[in-house]
Amino acid sequence: RRRRVLRRTELMAGTPALRLAGLANLHALRKGLSGVLAPKVKDPLERELLCAVFGATLEVSVERWRRERARRPLAVILREAFKLVATLS
């Protein structure tokens, strides 16, 4: 399964139309997350920024996983990335 996902991410990275579709999916994820957060995070700018940081962290983590040829589990990379994000201020 990991190999299949890695092949798909390689294909997406090397195909402009698929990269663009991936960005559209990421945008949809951010929009959906914003809807989920709306009851708790009232300020629209704060909510947008939280969703953007989440999306960017996810995107960078998957790209690192791909570049590392999936040597480490994606979950490990995601934990590291979100720990780093938590230290930003």
N, C-alpha and C. Protein backbone atom coordinates (compact mmCIF):
# COMPACT_ATOMS: atom_id res chain seq x y z
N ARG A 1 0.83 -1.20 0.00
CA ARG A 1 0.00 0.00 0.00
C ARG A 1 0.87 1.25 0.00
N ARG A 2 1.92 1.28 0.81
CA ARG A 2 2.79 2.45 0.86
C ARG A 2 3.41 2.71 -0.51
N ARG A 3 3.83 1.66 -1.19
CA ARG A 3 4.41 1.84 -2.54
C ARG A 3 3.41 2.45 -3.50
N ARG A 4 2.19 1.98 -3.42
CA ARG A 4 1.15 2.50 -4.32
C ARG A 4 0.92 3.99 -4.07
N VAL A 5 0.85 4.37 -2.80
CA VAL A 5 0.64 5.79 -2.46
C VAL A 5 1.85 6.61 -2.91
N LEU A 6 3.05 6.07 -2.71
CA LEU A 6 4.25 6.76 -3.15
C LEU A 6 4.25 6.94 -4.66
N ARG A 7 3.87 5.93 -5.40
CA ARG A 7 3.78 6.05 -6.87
C ARG A 7 2.79 7.13 -7.27
N ARG A 8 1.69 7.19 -6.58
CA ARG A 8 0.67 8.21 -6.89
C ARG A 8 1.19 9.61 -6.60
N THR A 9 1.88 9.76 -5.49
CA THR A 9 2.41 11.10 -5.18
C THR A 9 3.51 11.49 -6.17
N GLU A 10 4.30 10.52 -6.62
CA GLU A 10 5.31 10.80 -7.65
C GLU A 10 4.64 11.23 -8.94
N LEU A 11 3.59 10.53 -9.32
CA LEU A 11 2.85 10.88 -10.54
C LEU A 11 2.25 12.28 -10.43
N MET A 12 1.67 12.58 -9.29
CA MET A 12 1.08 13.91 -9.09
C MET A 12 2.15 15.00 -9.16
N ALA A 13 3.29 14.75 -8.53
CA ALA A 13 4.36 15.75 -8.50
C ALA A 13 4.90 16.01 -9.90
N GLY A 14 4.88 15.00 -10.75
CA GLY A 14 5.44 15.15 -12.09
C GLY A 14 4.45 15.50 -13.18
N THR A 15 3.19 15.67 -12.81
CA THR A 15 2.15 15.96 -13.81
C THR A 15 1.44 17.26 -13.44
N PRO A 16 1.68 18.32 -14.21
CA PRO A 16 1.10 19.62 -13.85
C PRO A 16 -0.41 19.60 -13.61
N ALA A 17 -1.15 18.91 -14.45
CA ALA A 17 -2.61 18.89 -14.29
C ALA A 17 -3.01 18.21 -12.99
N LEU A 18 -2.29 17.16 -12.63
CA LEU A 18 -2.59 16.47 -11.37
C LEU A 18 -2.18 17.30 -10.16
N ARG A 19 -1.07 18.03 -10.30
CA ARG A 19 -0.65 18.93 -9.22
C ARG A 19 -1.72 20.00 -8.99
N LEU A 20 -2.25 20.53 -10.08
CA LEU A 20 -3.30 21.54 -9.98
C LEU A 20 -4.55 20.96 -9.32
N ALA A 21 -4.90 19.73 -9.69
CA ALA A 21 -6.05 19.07 -9.07
C ALA A 21 -5.80 18.85 -7.58
N GLY A 22 -4.56 18.52 -7.23
CA GLY A 22 -4.21 18.35 -5.82
C GLY A 22 -4.37 19.63 -5.04
N LEU A 23 -4.00 20.74 -5.66
CA LEU A 23 -4.17 22.04 -5.01
C LEU A 23 -5.66 22.36 -4.82
N ALA A 24 -6.47 21.99 -5.80
CA ALA A 24 -7.91 22.20 -5.67
C ALA A 24 -8.47 21.36 -4.52
N ASN A 25 -7.98 20.13 -4.38
CA ASN A 25 -8.41 19.27 -3.28
C ASN A 25 -7.99 19.87 -1.93
N LEU A 26 -6.79 20.39 -1.88
CA LEU A 26 -6.30 21.01 -0.66
C LEU A 26 -7.15 22.23 -0.29
N HIS A 27 -7.52 23.01 -1.29
CA HIS A 27 -8.40 24.16 -1.06
C HIS A 27 -9.75 23.69 -0.51
N ALA A 28 -10.29 22.62 -1.08
CA ALA A 28 -11.57 22.08 -0.61
C ALA A 28 -11.45 21.59 0.84
N LEU A 29 -10.32 20.98 1.16
CA LEU A 29 -10.08 20.52 2.53
C LEU A 29 -10.06 21.71 3.49
N ARG A 30 -9.36 22.78 3.10
CA ARG A 30 -9.32 23.97 3.94
C ARG A 30 -10.70 24.56 4.15
N LYS A 31 -11.49 24.59 3.09
CA LYS A 31 -12.84 25.15 3.18
C LYS A 31 -13.72 24.28 4.10
N GLY A 32 -13.60 22.98 3.97
CA GLY A 32 -14.36 22.08 4.83
C GLY A 32 -13.94 22.20 6.28
N LEU A 33 -12.64 22.29 6.52
CA LEU A 33 -12.13 22.45 7.87
C LEU A 33 -12.62 23.77 8.48
N SER A 34 -12.67 24.80 7.65
CA SER A 34 -13.16 26.09 8.12
C SER A 34 -14.60 25.97 8.61
N GLY A 35 -15.39 25.21 7.89
CA GLY A 35 -16.78 25.00 8.32
C GLY A 35 -16.87 24.27 9.64
N VAL A 36 -16.00 23.30 9.84
CA VAL A 36 -15.98 22.54 11.09
C VAL A 36 -15.54 23.44 12.25
N LEU A 37 -14.57 24.31 11.99
CA LEU A 37 -14.05 25.18 13.04
C LEU A 37 -14.95 26.37 13.35
N ALA A 38 -15.84 26.71 12.44
CA ALA A 38 -16.65 27.94 12.58
C ALA A 38 -17.34 28.08 13.94
N PRO A 39 -17.93 27.03 14.50
CA PRO A 39 -18.60 27.22 15.80
C PRO A 39 -17.63 27.56 16.94
N LYS A 40 -16.38 27.14 16.83
CA LYS A 40 -15.41 27.36 17.91
C LYS A 40 -14.50 28.56 17.66
N VAL A 41 -14.18 28.83 16.41
CA VAL A 41 -13.27 29.93 16.06
C VAL A 41 -14.11 30.97 15.32
N LYS A 42 -14.54 31.96 16.05
CA LYS A 42 -15.48 32.94 15.50
C LYS A 42 -14.84 33.92 14.52
N ASP A 43 -13.60 34.30 14.77
CA ASP A 43 -12.94 35.29 13.90
C ASP A 43 -12.59 34.65 12.55
N PRO A 44 -13.15 35.18 11.46
CA PRO A 44 -12.91 34.58 10.14
C PRO A 44 -11.43 34.56 9.73
N LEU A 45 -10.69 35.63 10.06
CA LEU A 45 -9.27 35.66 9.69
C LEU A 45 -8.50 34.59 10.46
N GLU A 46 -8.76 34.48 11.73
CA GLU A 46 -8.09 33.45 12.54
C GLU A 46 -8.41 32.06 12.00
N ARG A 47 -9.66 31.84 11.66
CA ARG A 47 -10.09 30.55 11.13
C ARG A 47 -9.41 30.25 9.80
N GLU A 48 -9.35 31.24 8.91
CA GLU A 48 -8.68 31.07 7.61
C GLU A 48 -7.21 30.74 7.78
N LEU A 49 -6.57 31.47 8.69
CA LEU A 49 -5.14 31.24 8.93
C LEU A 49 -4.88 29.86 9.52
N LEU A 50 -5.71 29.44 10.46
CA LEU A 50 -5.55 28.09 11.02
C LEU A 50 -5.67 27.03 9.93
N CYS A 51 -6.65 27.19 9.07
CA CYS A 51 -6.86 26.23 7.98
C CYS A 51 -5.70 26.26 6.99
N ALA A 52 -5.18 27.44 6.70
CA ALA A 52 -4.05 27.57 5.78
C ALA A 52 -2.80 26.92 6.36
N VAL A 53 -2.56 27.13 7.65
CA VAL A 53 -1.40 26.52 8.30
C VAL A 53 -1.55 25.00 8.31
N PHE A 54 -2.73 24.51 8.60
CA PHE A 54 -2.97 23.07 8.58
C PHE A 54 -2.70 22.51 7.18
N GLY A 55 -3.27 23.17 6.17
CA GLY A 55 -3.09 22.70 4.78
C GLY A 55 -1.64 22.74 4.34
N ALA A 56 -0.94 23.81 4.68
CA ALA A 56 0.47 23.93 4.30
C ALA A 56 1.32 22.88 5.01
N THR A 57 1.03 22.62 6.27
CA THR A 57 1.78 21.63 7.02
C THR A 57 1.55 20.24 6.43
N LEU A 58 0.34 19.95 6.08
CA LEU A 58 0.02 18.68 5.44
C LEU A 58 0.75 18.54 4.10
N GLU A 59 0.69 19.60 3.29
CA GLU A 59 1.32 19.58 1.96
C GLU A 59 2.84 19.41 2.07
N VAL A 60 3.47 20.15 2.93
CA VAL A 60 4.93 20.07 3.10
C VAL A 60 5.32 18.69 3.63
N SER A 61 4.54 18.16 4.54
CA SER A 61 4.85 16.85 5.11
C SER A 61 4.76 15.75 4.07
N VAL A 62 3.73 15.77 3.26
CA VAL A 62 3.59 14.76 2.21
C VAL A 62 4.72 14.89 1.20
N GLU A 63 5.08 16.10 0.86
CA GLU A 63 6.18 16.32 -0.09
C GLU A 63 7.50 15.80 0.49
N ARG A 64 7.75 16.04 1.76
CA ARG A 64 8.97 15.52 2.39
C ARG A 64 8.95 13.99 2.38
N TRP A 65 7.82 13.41 2.72
CA TRP A 65 7.67 11.96 2.70
C TRP A 65 7.99 11.40 1.32
N ARG A 66 7.48 12.08 0.30
CA ARG A 66 7.73 11.65 -1.09
C ARG A 66 9.21 11.76 -1.42
N ARG A 67 9.82 12.89 -1.09
CA ARG A 67 11.25 13.09 -1.39
C ARG A 67 12.13 12.09 -0.66
N GLU A 68 11.71 11.70 0.54
CA GLU A 68 12.46 10.70 1.31
C GLU A 68 12.15 9.28 0.85
N ARG A 69 11.32 9.17 -0.18
CA ARG A 69 10.95 7.86 -0.74
C ARG A 69 10.28 6.98 0.32
N ALA A 70 9.51 7.60 1.18
CA ALA A 70 8.70 6.91 2.19
C ALA A 70 9.54 6.08 3.16
N ARG A 71 10.76 6.51 3.40
CA ARG A 71 11.62 5.77 4.34
C ARG A 71 11.07 5.83 5.77
N ARG A 72 10.45 6.94 6.11
CA ARG A 72 9.81 7.08 7.43
C ARG A 72 8.31 7.15 7.22
N PRO A 73 7.54 6.67 8.16
CA PRO A 73 6.09 6.76 8.02
C PRO A 73 5.63 8.23 7.95
N LEU A 74 4.65 8.47 7.14
CA LEU A 74 4.10 9.82 7.01
C LEU A 74 3.62 10.33 8.36
N ALA A 75 3.05 9.46 9.17
CA ALA A 75 2.56 9.89 10.49
C ALA A 75 3.68 10.48 11.34
N VAL A 76 4.87 9.93 11.24
CA VAL A 76 6.01 10.45 12.01
C VAL A 76 6.37 11.85 11.52
N ILE A 77 6.40 12.02 10.21
CA ILE A 77 6.73 13.32 9.63
C ILE A 77 5.66 14.35 10.01
N LEU A 78 4.41 13.95 9.96
CA LEU A 78 3.33 14.86 10.34
C LEU A 78 3.44 15.28 11.80
N ARG A 79 3.73 14.34 12.68
CA ARG A 79 3.90 14.69 14.10
C ARG A 79 5.03 15.70 14.28
N GLU A 80 6.15 15.45 13.62
CA GLU A 80 7.28 16.38 13.70
C GLU A 80 6.89 17.77 13.20
N ALA A 81 6.21 17.79 12.06
CA ALA A 81 5.82 19.07 11.45
C ALA A 81 4.88 19.84 12.35
N PHE A 82 3.87 19.17 12.89
CA PHE A 82 2.91 19.88 13.74
C PHE A 82 3.54 20.31 15.06
N LYS A 83 4.52 19.55 15.56
CA LYS A 83 5.25 20.00 16.75
C LYS A 83 5.99 21.30 16.45
N LEU A 84 6.62 21.36 15.28
CA LEU A 84 7.32 22.59 14.89
C LEU A 84 6.37 23.75 14.74
N VAL A 85 5.23 23.50 14.12
CA VAL A 85 4.24 24.57 13.94
C VAL A 85 3.78 25.08 15.29
N ALA A 86 3.63 24.19 16.25
CA ALA A 86 3.17 24.58 17.59
C ALA A 86 4.17 25.51 18.28
N THR A 87 5.43 25.45 17.89
CA THR A 87 6.43 26.31 18.53
C THR A 87 6.49 27.70 17.91
N LEU A 88 5.86 27.88 16.76
CA LEU A 88 5.89 29.18 16.10
C LEU A 88 5.02 30.18 16.83
N SER A 89 5.48 31.39 16.88
CA SER A 89 4.65 32.42 17.51
C SER A 89 4.92 33.77 16.91
